[in-house]
Amino acid sequence: TYTVMYNFGSNPGDPTDPRYSGVISQGRNGALYSSADNFWTDGIGSAFNITPQGAMTVLHQFNGSDGQAPTGGLSLGTDGYYYGTSYSGGNYGFGTIFKVSAHGTFTSIYSFPGGSDGGYPIAAPIESAAGLWYGTTLGAEGSSGSVYTLSPSGTFTTLHTFTGADGTHPYAPLLQASDGKFYGTTFDGGAYNQGTIFRIDCSGKLAVLYQFDGVHGGAPYAPLIQGRDGNLYGVTTTGGTGGGGVAFRLTPTGSLTVLHNFTNGSDGGNQVGGLIEATDGNLYGTNNVGGAYFWGVLFRITPAGVFSVLHDFDYPTGASPQTSLLQHTNGLLYGDTAVGGSGSTGQGVFYSFDVELAPSVIFLPAARRAGQMVEILGQDFIGTTAVTFNGVPAQFTVKSPTALVATVPQRATSGFIQVVIPARTLTSNKAFLVRPGHGM
C-alpha cells in the first residue's frame, strides 16, 4: 500500500525536489531525517525531518556561505548528530561537510578548498565502527574524485584520489562491510569507462573489484549494500541487455551476477537510488523512468532474482524517485520523489509503502567489543524485559519509547540482537558484529 505522507512545497520554507541517491535515516525519536537541494525553487537546500505520522519540520535552511545543494541526505552518528554534505557553497564554493542536531543546531565542519582534497561532494559521509567518518567527493578542477576520512574533532584526511583507471566520480556513499573495509562505486572511468566497484581500507589502500563493461551494467550511481549472505548488492543506471541498467550481486572475490536487466519499460530503468535488504530477506528499490506512467516503479527482487513491480509512480502522487528506500523499525518502507504530488508546483512527495513487514530494531554502531555500549532504536520500548546479543542476555537501559542502550555481554558472539517488549520480541534487521577483545 502506497501512501503520500507529505507534499513538498505545501508550506512556505518547505524543502523541495529531493534528488539523487540521498540517505534517509531513522532518528532516536523515530522520525525520519534527510535533506533536499531545492533544485527547482531556491537552489540552496535544507535539512528536514518528518514523523511517521507525516509532520514536517525544517531543521536548517542553507544560505550558501554554510553550504548549498545538500543532495546526499543525512547519516545518524553515535553522538546523536546527523551528518551530511553540500555539493557547493561554503568558504570556497566547492562544498562542505556539516552536522545538525535533532533540534536544528547546525555546525559547519569542513569547507572544501577544491584542491587535492577533492571537492563537490554528493554523498553523505558514514560513521565507521571505530567512530571516524568516511566519504567521497566528485572532485573539482579536473580531479576525478576522492575518498576522505574525518575525525570526530574535524581533522580531514584525503585517503585516495581517483586516477581514471580505478574509476572516476564516485557519487554514492560508502559501505563499511563486515570485514571492516569500505566499498563503493564510481560512475565512470575504469577499463571500459563504465564505472567500477572498489574496496579501500582505513589506510587508503584501494583495490578495484569489478569494472563495468556495459553488458553487465554501467554508470552506477547508488550505494552498495551487504546482504545477510555476505555478498554485495547494487544497481546501475545504464547497460545490461535491456539498456535500462541492472541489479547485481557481487561476491567478496569480485564475481558479478546480474539479477535483473531493466528495460526502461514496464519494469522501469535508471536506478539512481540504491537497494535495501528488508527483514523478509528480499531486495527493494526504485527507479525513475519507465513503468506504467513513465515516472519509475518501486520493485522487489528475491535472492533468486525473481522480479516484481509493486508500485508505478505517477505525477499526481509523486514521480521520479531518486533516493534509496529506508525500512523503518515499524516495518514500513519510506522514500521520497523528486517531482510530482499536489504541492504548489509538483515539488515531490515523502511517502510510505507497506509490504506487511514485521516491526524490528536497528542498532549503531555496526560493531563493538564486549563491555562497550550499543544504541538500539525501535518502538514500544517502555516495559522492555530483556535484550540479547545472539542469545546472550545483556544489561540495558531504556532511554525513551524509541531508544535504549545496552552493553555487549562478555560471552556474546556476532549475530542478531533481540529486544523483548510486552507485545512481542523484536529482532534486528541485520547481524551485529562482536569484535575480539574487551572494550572500555
Protein backbone atom coordinates (compact mmCIF):
# COMPACT_ATOMS: atom_id res chain seq x y z
CA THR A 1 0.00 0.00 0.00
CA TYR A 2 1.43 3.33 -1.15
CA THR A 3 0.67 6.40 0.98
CA VAL A 4 1.67 10.01 0.37
CA MET A 5 2.72 11.37 3.76
CA TYR A 6 3.70 14.88 2.73
CA ASN A 7 3.74 17.02 -0.39
CA PHE A 8 6.94 19.06 -0.53
CA GLY A 9 6.26 22.73 -1.15
CA SER A 10 2.93 22.68 0.69
CA ASN A 11 4.10 25.37 3.11
CA PRO A 12 6.46 28.38 2.82
CA GLY A 13 10.07 27.39 3.53
CA ASP A 14 9.47 23.71 2.77
CA PRO A 15 12.23 21.53 1.37
CA THR A 16 11.61 20.68 -2.28
CA ASP A 17 12.85 18.41 -5.03
CA PRO A 18 14.90 15.76 -3.16
CA ARG A 19 17.17 14.32 -5.85
CA TYR A 20 19.92 11.81 -6.37
CA SER A 21 20.82 8.96 -4.10
CA GLY A 22 20.32 10.65 -0.76
CA VAL A 23 20.24 8.91 2.61
CA ILE A 24 17.15 8.79 4.82
CA SER A 25 17.95 7.98 8.45
CA GLN A 26 15.75 6.91 11.33
CA GLY A 27 16.36 9.07 14.39
CA ARG A 28 16.38 8.27 18.09
CA ASN A 29 12.88 9.72 18.29
CA GLY A 30 11.55 7.55 15.46
CA ALA A 31 11.38 10.44 12.97
CA LEU A 32 12.98 10.29 9.52
CA TYR A 33 15.83 12.68 8.66
CA SER A 34 17.12 13.74 5.24
CA SER A 35 17.89 16.74 3.03
CA ALA A 36 16.87 18.29 -0.28
CA ASP A 37 18.67 20.70 -2.57
CA ASN A 38 15.51 22.65 -3.58
CA PHE A 39 16.82 22.44 -7.14
CA TRP A 40 13.78 23.89 -8.90
CA THR A 41 12.97 26.51 -6.23
CA ASP A 42 15.69 28.44 -4.39
CA GLY A 43 18.50 26.06 -5.36
CA ILE A 44 20.06 26.39 -1.89
CA GLY A 45 18.60 23.49 0.07
CA SER A 46 17.53 22.43 3.53
CA ALA A 47 17.74 19.64 6.11
CA PHE A 48 14.48 18.28 7.50
CA ASN A 49 12.75 15.59 9.48
CA ILE A 50 9.32 14.06 9.16
CA THR A 51 7.48 11.93 11.68
CA PRO A 52 5.88 8.59 10.74
CA GLN A 53 2.58 10.48 11.06
CA GLY A 54 3.63 12.97 8.36
CA ALA A 55 4.54 16.08 10.40
CA MET A 56 7.32 18.00 8.60
CA THR A 57 9.97 20.11 10.37
CA VAL A 58 12.70 22.10 8.62
CA LEU A 59 15.87 21.74 10.70
CA HIS A 60 18.10 24.10 8.73
CA GLN A 61 17.86 26.26 5.65
CA PHE A 62 21.21 26.73 3.93
CA ASN A 63 22.35 30.17 2.84
CA GLY A 64 25.29 29.41 0.56
CA SER A 65 28.03 30.50 2.94
CA ASP A 66 27.30 27.45 5.11
CA GLY A 67 26.75 25.20 2.08
CA GLN A 68 24.49 24.84 -0.92
CA ALA A 69 22.72 21.86 -2.56
CA PRO A 70 22.77 19.17 0.18
CA THR A 71 21.70 16.30 -2.08
CA GLY A 72 23.18 13.41 -0.07
CA GLY A 73 20.75 13.19 2.83
CA LEU A 74 21.74 12.70 6.47
CA SER A 75 23.57 9.94 8.39
CA LEU A 76 22.94 9.47 12.13
CA GLY A 77 26.09 9.39 14.25
CA THR A 78 26.64 7.78 17.63
CA ASP A 79 26.89 11.31 19.06
CA GLY A 80 23.24 11.91 18.11
CA TYR A 81 24.02 14.40 15.34
CA TYR A 82 23.09 13.96 11.68
CA TYR A 83 25.97 14.36 9.22
CA GLY A 84 25.78 15.41 5.60
CA THR A 85 27.49 17.27 2.79
CA SER A 86 26.61 20.12 0.48
CA TYR A 87 27.66 19.88 -3.14
CA SER A 88 28.73 23.52 -3.34
CA GLY A 89 28.88 26.67 -1.24
CA GLY A 90 30.96 27.08 1.88
CA ASN A 91 34.10 29.15 2.25
CA TYR A 92 35.46 28.30 -1.21
CA GLY A 93 32.40 27.27 -3.22
CA PHE A 94 33.36 23.60 -3.51
CA GLY A 95 31.04 22.20 -0.85
CA THR A 96 31.03 21.40 2.84
CA ILE A 97 30.68 18.71 5.47
CA PHE A 98 28.23 19.58 8.25
CA LYS A 99 26.28 18.21 11.17
CA VAL A 100 22.87 19.16 12.53
CA SER A 101 21.15 18.14 15.75
CA ALA A 102 17.65 16.70 16.04
CA HIS A 103 16.54 20.17 17.14
CA GLY A 104 18.25 22.03 14.30
CA THR A 105 21.55 23.17 15.84
CA PHE A 106 23.82 23.44 12.79
CA THR A 107 27.61 23.19 12.63
CA SER A 108 29.74 23.53 9.51
CA ILE A 109 32.68 21.16 9.99
CA TYR A 110 34.75 21.46 6.81
CA SER A 111 34.79 23.57 3.64
CA PHE A 112 36.43 22.00 0.61
CA PRO A 113 39.07 24.27 -0.99
CA GLY A 114 38.72 22.30 -4.23
CA GLY A 115 42.32 21.18 -4.48
CA SER A 116 43.86 17.84 -3.52
CA ASP A 117 41.03 17.23 -1.04
CA GLY A 118 38.55 16.74 -3.89
CA GLY A 119 35.51 18.96 -3.65
CA TYR A 120 31.89 18.81 -4.83
CA PRO A 121 30.74 16.00 -2.51
CA ILE A 122 27.40 14.42 -3.42
CA ALA A 123 27.13 11.68 -0.77
CA ALA A 124 26.67 11.95 2.98
CA PRO A 125 29.57 10.53 4.99
CA ILE A 126 29.16 7.32 7.01
CA GLU A 127 30.45 6.67 10.53
CA SER A 128 32.80 3.71 10.84
CA ALA A 129 32.73 1.18 13.67
CA ALA A 130 35.80 2.99 15.03
CA GLY A 131 33.97 6.33 15.19
CA LEU A 132 35.61 8.04 12.19
CA TRP A 133 33.66 9.41 9.24
CA TYR A 134 34.33 8.32 5.65
CA GLY A 135 33.02 9.81 2.44
CA THR A 136 33.55 10.54 -1.24
CA THR A 137 33.75 13.59 -3.50
CA LEU A 138 33.22 14.06 -7.23
CA GLY A 139 36.33 16.19 -7.41
CA ALA A 140 36.89 19.76 -8.56
CA GLU A 141 39.19 21.49 -11.03
CA GLY A 142 39.96 18.46 -13.15
CA SER A 143 40.02 15.97 -10.27
CA SER A 144 38.45 12.54 -10.80
CA GLY A 145 37.11 12.37 -7.25
CA SER A 146 38.39 11.19 -3.89
CA VAL A 147 37.79 9.22 -0.72
CA TYR A 148 38.31 11.02 2.59
CA THR A 149 38.12 10.47 6.32
CA LEU A 150 37.10 12.93 9.02
CA SER A 151 37.86 12.59 12.73
CA PRO A 152 35.33 13.50 15.43
CA SER A 153 37.39 16.62 16.11
CA GLY A 154 37.14 17.70 12.45
CA THR A 155 40.56 16.65 11.13
CA PHE A 156 40.20 15.97 7.39
CA THR A 157 42.41 13.49 5.52
CA THR A 158 42.31 12.52 1.85
CA LEU A 159 42.71 8.74 1.63
CA HIS A 160 42.68 8.29 -2.13
CA THR A 161 42.42 10.35 -5.30
CA PHE A 162 40.99 8.51 -8.29
CA THR A 163 43.10 8.36 -11.42
CA GLY A 164 40.65 7.23 -14.09
CA ALA A 165 42.00 3.70 -14.40
CA ASP A 166 40.50 2.90 -10.99
CA GLY A 167 37.33 4.90 -11.70
CA THR A 168 36.16 8.48 -11.70
CA HIS A 169 33.38 10.42 -10.00
CA PRO A 170 32.11 8.41 -7.01
CA TYR A 171 28.57 9.69 -6.47
CA ALA A 172 27.48 7.13 -3.87
CA PRO A 173 28.14 6.94 -0.14
CA LEU A 174 30.50 4.23 1.08
CA LEU A 175 29.59 0.95 2.76
CA GLN A 176 31.62 -0.48 5.64
CA ALA A 177 31.30 -4.24 5.30
CA SER A 178 31.71 -6.93 7.95
CA ASP A 179 35.44 -7.21 7.13
CA GLY A 180 35.92 -3.61 8.29
CA LYS A 181 36.82 -2.37 4.82
CA PHE A 182 34.90 0.21 2.79
CA TYR A 183 33.22 -0.46 -0.54
CA GLY A 184 31.93 1.95 -3.14
CA THR A 185 31.27 2.63 -6.79
CA THR A 186 32.43 5.14 -9.37
CA PHE A 187 30.09 6.44 -12.05
CA ASP A 188 32.58 6.22 -14.88
CA GLY A 189 36.24 5.53 -15.52
CA GLY A 190 37.84 2.10 -15.40
CA ALA A 191 38.82 -0.10 -18.32
CA TYR A 192 35.54 0.49 -20.22
CA ASN A 193 34.71 3.97 -18.87
CA GLN A 194 31.52 2.48 -17.42
CA GLY A 195 32.49 2.75 -13.76
CA THR A 196 33.98 0.47 -11.14
CA ILE A 197 33.39 -1.19 -7.79
CA PHE A 198 36.25 -0.60 -5.37
CA ARG A 199 37.41 -1.57 -1.89
CA ILE A 200 39.51 0.69 0.32
CA ASP A 201 40.88 0.23 3.82
CA CYS A 202 41.37 2.83 6.53
CA SER A 203 44.99 3.39 5.45
CA GLY A 204 43.92 4.33 1.90
CA LYS A 205 44.91 1.11 0.12
CA LEU A 206 42.43 0.75 -2.76
CA ALA A 207 41.65 -2.25 -4.95
CA VAL A 208 39.31 -2.38 -7.95
CA LEU A 209 36.98 -5.37 -7.56
CA TYR A 210 34.96 -5.02 -10.76
CA GLN A 211 35.00 -2.94 -13.93
CA PHE A 212 31.61 -2.41 -15.53
CA ASP A 213 31.55 -3.14 -19.25
CA GLY A 214 28.06 -2.04 -20.28
CA VAL A 215 26.91 -5.59 -20.99
CA HIS A 216 26.74 -6.26 -17.25
CA GLY A 217 25.66 -2.72 -16.38
CA GLY A 218 27.26 0.67 -16.38
CA ALA A 219 27.32 4.06 -14.68
CA PRO A 220 26.46 3.04 -11.09
CA TYR A 221 25.13 5.95 -9.10
CA ALA A 222 23.74 4.25 -5.99
CA PRO A 223 25.44 2.84 -2.89
CA LEU A 224 26.19 -0.82 -2.33
CA ILE A 225 24.69 -2.91 0.46
CA GLN A 226 25.96 -6.10 2.08
CA GLY A 227 23.40 -8.87 2.27
CA ARG A 228 22.98 -11.40 5.04
CA ASP A 229 24.80 -13.87 2.79
CA GLY A 230 27.93 -11.69 2.87
CA ASN A 231 27.68 -10.67 -0.78
CA LEU A 232 27.39 -7.11 -2.06
CA TYR A 233 24.30 -5.95 -3.94
CA GLY A 234 23.72 -2.89 -6.09
CA VAL A 235 22.25 -1.36 -9.23
CA THR A 236 23.45 0.60 -12.24
CA THR A 237 21.74 3.36 -14.19
CA THR A 238 22.59 2.07 -17.67
CA GLY A 239 23.70 -1.01 -19.55
CA GLY A 240 22.56 -4.59 -19.38
CA THR A 241 20.71 -6.46 -22.10
CA GLY A 242 17.72 -4.11 -21.81
CA GLY A 243 19.66 -0.86 -21.71
CA GLY A 244 17.98 0.36 -18.51
CA GLY A 245 20.66 -0.76 -16.08
CA VAL A 246 20.93 -3.87 -13.93
CA ALA A 247 20.54 -5.15 -10.40
CA PHE A 248 23.55 -7.26 -9.44
CA ARG A 249 25.22 -9.40 -6.80
CA LEU A 250 28.99 -9.30 -6.26
CA THR A 251 30.89 -11.92 -4.26
CA PRO A 252 33.77 -10.87 -1.97
CA THR A 253 36.17 -12.19 -4.63
CA GLY A 254 34.71 -9.92 -7.32
CA SER A 255 32.45 -12.31 -9.26
CA LEU A 256 29.37 -10.41 -10.53
CA THR A 257 25.96 -11.91 -11.30
CA VAL A 258 23.21 -9.89 -12.95
CA LEU A 259 19.94 -10.46 -11.08
CA HIS A 260 17.74 -8.37 -13.37
CA ASN A 261 18.16 -6.45 -16.61
CA PHE A 262 15.98 -3.34 -16.64
CA THR A 263 14.35 -2.39 -19.94
CA ASN A 264 13.06 1.17 -19.35
CA GLY A 265 9.64 -0.38 -20.00
CA SER A 266 7.15 -1.81 -17.52
CA ASP A 267 9.98 -2.65 -15.10
CA GLY A 268 11.42 0.89 -15.26
CA GLY A 269 15.03 1.94 -15.60
CA ASN A 270 17.73 4.38 -14.47
CA GLN A 271 18.20 3.14 -10.90
CA VAL A 272 19.57 6.24 -9.16
CA GLY A 273 18.52 5.12 -5.68
CA GLY A 274 20.07 2.00 -4.21
CA LEU A 275 18.75 -1.32 -2.95
CA ILE A 276 17.82 -2.28 0.60
CA GLU A 277 17.60 -5.78 2.03
CA ALA A 278 14.42 -5.86 4.12
CA THR A 279 13.73 -8.09 7.09
CA ASP A 280 11.94 -10.58 4.82
CA GLY A 281 15.25 -11.23 3.03
CA ASN A 282 14.13 -9.61 -0.24
CA LEU A 283 15.68 -6.65 -2.03
CA TYR A 284 13.63 -3.49 -2.62
CA GLY A 285 14.41 -0.46 -4.74
CA THR A 286 13.10 2.20 -7.10
CA ASN A 287 13.90 3.69 -10.47
CA ASN A 288 12.81 6.96 -12.05
CA VAL A 289 11.84 6.26 -15.64
CA GLY A 290 9.54 3.73 -17.28
CA GLY A 291 6.68 1.92 -15.63
CA ALA A 292 3.00 2.34 -16.40
CA TYR A 293 3.17 6.16 -16.16
CA PHE A 294 6.80 6.65 -17.27
CA TRP A 295 7.85 8.00 -13.84
CA GLY A 296 9.52 4.88 -12.44
CA VAL A 297 8.50 1.92 -10.28
CA LEU A 298 9.03 0.51 -6.80
CA PHE A 299 10.22 -3.08 -7.17
CA ARG A 300 11.17 -6.23 -5.26
CA ILE A 301 13.80 -8.80 -6.17
CA THR A 302 14.08 -12.12 -4.35
CA PRO A 303 17.53 -13.59 -3.59
CA ALA A 304 16.94 -15.93 -6.54
CA GLY A 305 16.37 -12.95 -8.85
CA VAL A 306 12.58 -13.10 -9.20
CA PHE A 307 11.50 -9.53 -10.04
CA SER A 308 8.15 -7.88 -9.24
CA VAL A 309 6.80 -4.36 -9.73
CA LEU A 310 4.96 -3.31 -6.56
CA HIS A 311 4.05 0.28 -7.46
CA ASP A 312 4.04 2.51 -10.55
CA PHE A 313 4.84 6.14 -9.74
CA ASP A 314 2.67 8.83 -11.30
CA TYR A 315 2.89 12.61 -11.27
CA PRO A 316 -0.19 13.35 -9.09
CA THR A 317 1.09 11.18 -6.20
CA GLY A 318 4.85 11.56 -6.62
CA ALA A 319 7.19 10.90 -9.53
CA SER A 320 10.87 10.23 -10.27
CA PRO A 321 12.11 8.64 -7.00
CA GLN A 322 15.88 9.11 -6.74
CA THR A 323 16.79 8.33 -3.11
CA SER A 324 17.34 4.93 -1.53
CA LEU A 325 14.46 3.46 0.44
CA LEU A 326 14.60 3.06 4.22
CA GLN A 327 12.91 0.28 6.16
CA HIS A 328 11.77 1.83 9.45
CA THR A 329 11.63 -0.30 12.58
CA ASN A 330 7.82 -0.07 12.36
CA GLY A 331 8.09 -2.30 9.26
CA LEU A 332 7.16 0.31 6.64
CA LEU A 333 9.35 1.38 3.73
CA TYR A 334 9.89 5.13 3.32
CA GLY A 335 11.16 7.21 0.43
CA ASP A 336 10.70 10.45 -1.47
CA THR A 337 10.32 11.64 -5.05
CA ALA A 338 11.99 14.50 -6.89
CA VAL A 339 8.85 15.84 -8.54
CA GLY A 340 5.10 15.38 -8.63
CA GLY A 341 2.46 15.43 -5.92
CA SER A 342 -0.05 18.11 -5.07
CA GLY A 343 2.38 20.73 -3.75
CA SER A 344 2.33 24.21 -5.25
CA THR A 345 4.30 23.18 -8.35
CA GLY A 346 4.72 19.41 -8.02
CA GLN A 347 7.92 19.54 -5.98
CA GLY A 348 7.97 15.94 -4.85
CA VAL A 349 6.47 13.89 -2.02
CA PHE A 350 7.55 11.90 1.01
CA TYR A 351 5.80 8.52 1.00
CA SER A 352 5.46 5.22 2.83
CA PHE A 353 4.92 1.77 1.38
CA ASP A 354 3.52 -1.15 3.35
CA VAL A 355 4.56 -4.68 2.36
CA GLU A 356 3.41 -6.09 5.71
CA LEU A 357 6.85 -6.47 7.25
CA ALA A 358 7.05 -7.09 11.00
CA PRO A 359 8.47 -4.43 13.37
CA SER A 360 12.17 -4.75 14.11
CA VAL A 361 15.08 -2.92 15.76
CA ILE A 362 18.20 -1.27 14.37
CA PHE A 363 21.48 -0.52 16.13
CA LEU A 364 24.56 1.67 15.96
CA PRO A 365 27.41 1.32 15.56
CA ALA A 366 27.61 -1.85 13.49
CA ALA A 367 30.30 -3.45 15.67
CA ARG A 368 31.54 -3.28 19.24
CA ARG A 369 33.70 -5.26 21.68
CA ALA A 370 32.39 -6.91 24.82
CA GLY A 371 31.79 -4.32 27.52
CA GLN A 372 31.06 -1.48 25.08
CA MET A 373 27.74 0.31 24.68
CA VAL A 374 25.39 -0.11 21.73
CA GLU A 375 22.42 2.10 20.92
CA ILE A 376 19.25 0.31 19.80
CA LEU A 377 16.35 2.07 18.08
CA GLY A 378 12.81 0.81 17.65
CA GLN A 379 9.40 1.38 19.20
CA ASP A 380 7.33 0.45 22.27
CA PHE A 381 10.44 0.03 24.46
CA ILE A 382 8.70 1.05 27.69
CA GLY A 383 8.34 -2.17 29.68
CA THR A 384 11.20 -3.97 27.91
CA THR A 385 12.13 -7.10 29.88
CA ALA A 386 15.21 -8.41 28.05
CA VAL A 387 17.86 -7.61 25.44
CA THR A 388 20.04 -10.36 23.98
CA PHE A 389 23.04 -10.43 21.64
CA ASN A 390 22.86 -13.65 19.61
CA GLY A 391 21.00 -15.20 22.52
CA VAL A 392 23.24 -13.91 25.33
CA PRO A 393 21.43 -11.62 27.84
CA ALA A 394 22.71 -8.06 28.12
CA GLN A 395 22.36 -5.23 30.61
CA PHE A 396 20.29 -2.38 29.19
CA THR A 397 18.69 0.96 29.99
CA VAL A 398 15.55 2.22 28.27
CA LYS A 399 16.04 5.88 27.31
CA SER A 400 12.66 6.52 25.64
CA PRO A 401 9.88 4.60 23.90
CA THR A 402 12.05 4.56 20.77
CA ALA A 403 15.63 4.22 22.08
CA LEU A 404 17.63 2.16 24.57
CA VAL A 405 21.30 1.41 25.23
CA ALA A 406 22.78 -1.99 26.00
CA THR A 407 26.20 -3.31 26.99
CA VAL A 408 27.69 -6.05 24.81
CA PRO A 409 27.88 -9.09 27.15
CA GLN A 410 31.15 -10.92 27.72
CA ARG A 411 30.07 -14.18 26.11
CA ALA A 412 28.36 -12.59 23.14
CA THR A 413 29.15 -13.61 19.57
CA SER A 414 28.17 -11.97 16.31
CA GLY A 415 24.50 -12.36 15.44
CA PHE A 416 21.09 -10.79 15.74
CA ILE A 417 20.01 -8.53 18.60
CA GLN A 418 16.60 -9.20 20.14
CA VAL A 419 14.55 -6.91 22.37
CA VAL A 420 11.66 -8.38 24.37
CA ILE A 421 8.84 -5.84 24.76
CA PRO A 422 5.42 -6.51 26.31
CA ALA A 423 3.71 -7.20 22.98
CA ARG A 424 6.37 -9.21 21.13
CA THR A 425 10.05 -9.93 20.60
CA LEU A 426 11.76 -7.55 18.15
CA THR A 427 14.72 -8.78 16.10
CA SER A 428 17.38 -6.60 14.47
CA ASN A 429 17.28 -6.06 10.73
CA LYS A 430 20.83 -7.40 10.37
CA ALA A 431 23.50 -9.16 12.40
CA PHE A 432 25.56 -7.24 14.95
CA LEU A 433 29.33 -7.82 14.85
CA VAL A 434 31.18 -8.54 18.10
CA ARG A 435 34.83 -7.61 17.73
CA PRO A 436 37.57 -9.55 19.55
CA GLY A 437 38.88 -8.21 22.85
CA HIS A 438 37.32 -6.19 25.64
CA GLY A 439 36.38 -2.52 25.31
CA MET A 440 36.01 0.11 27.99
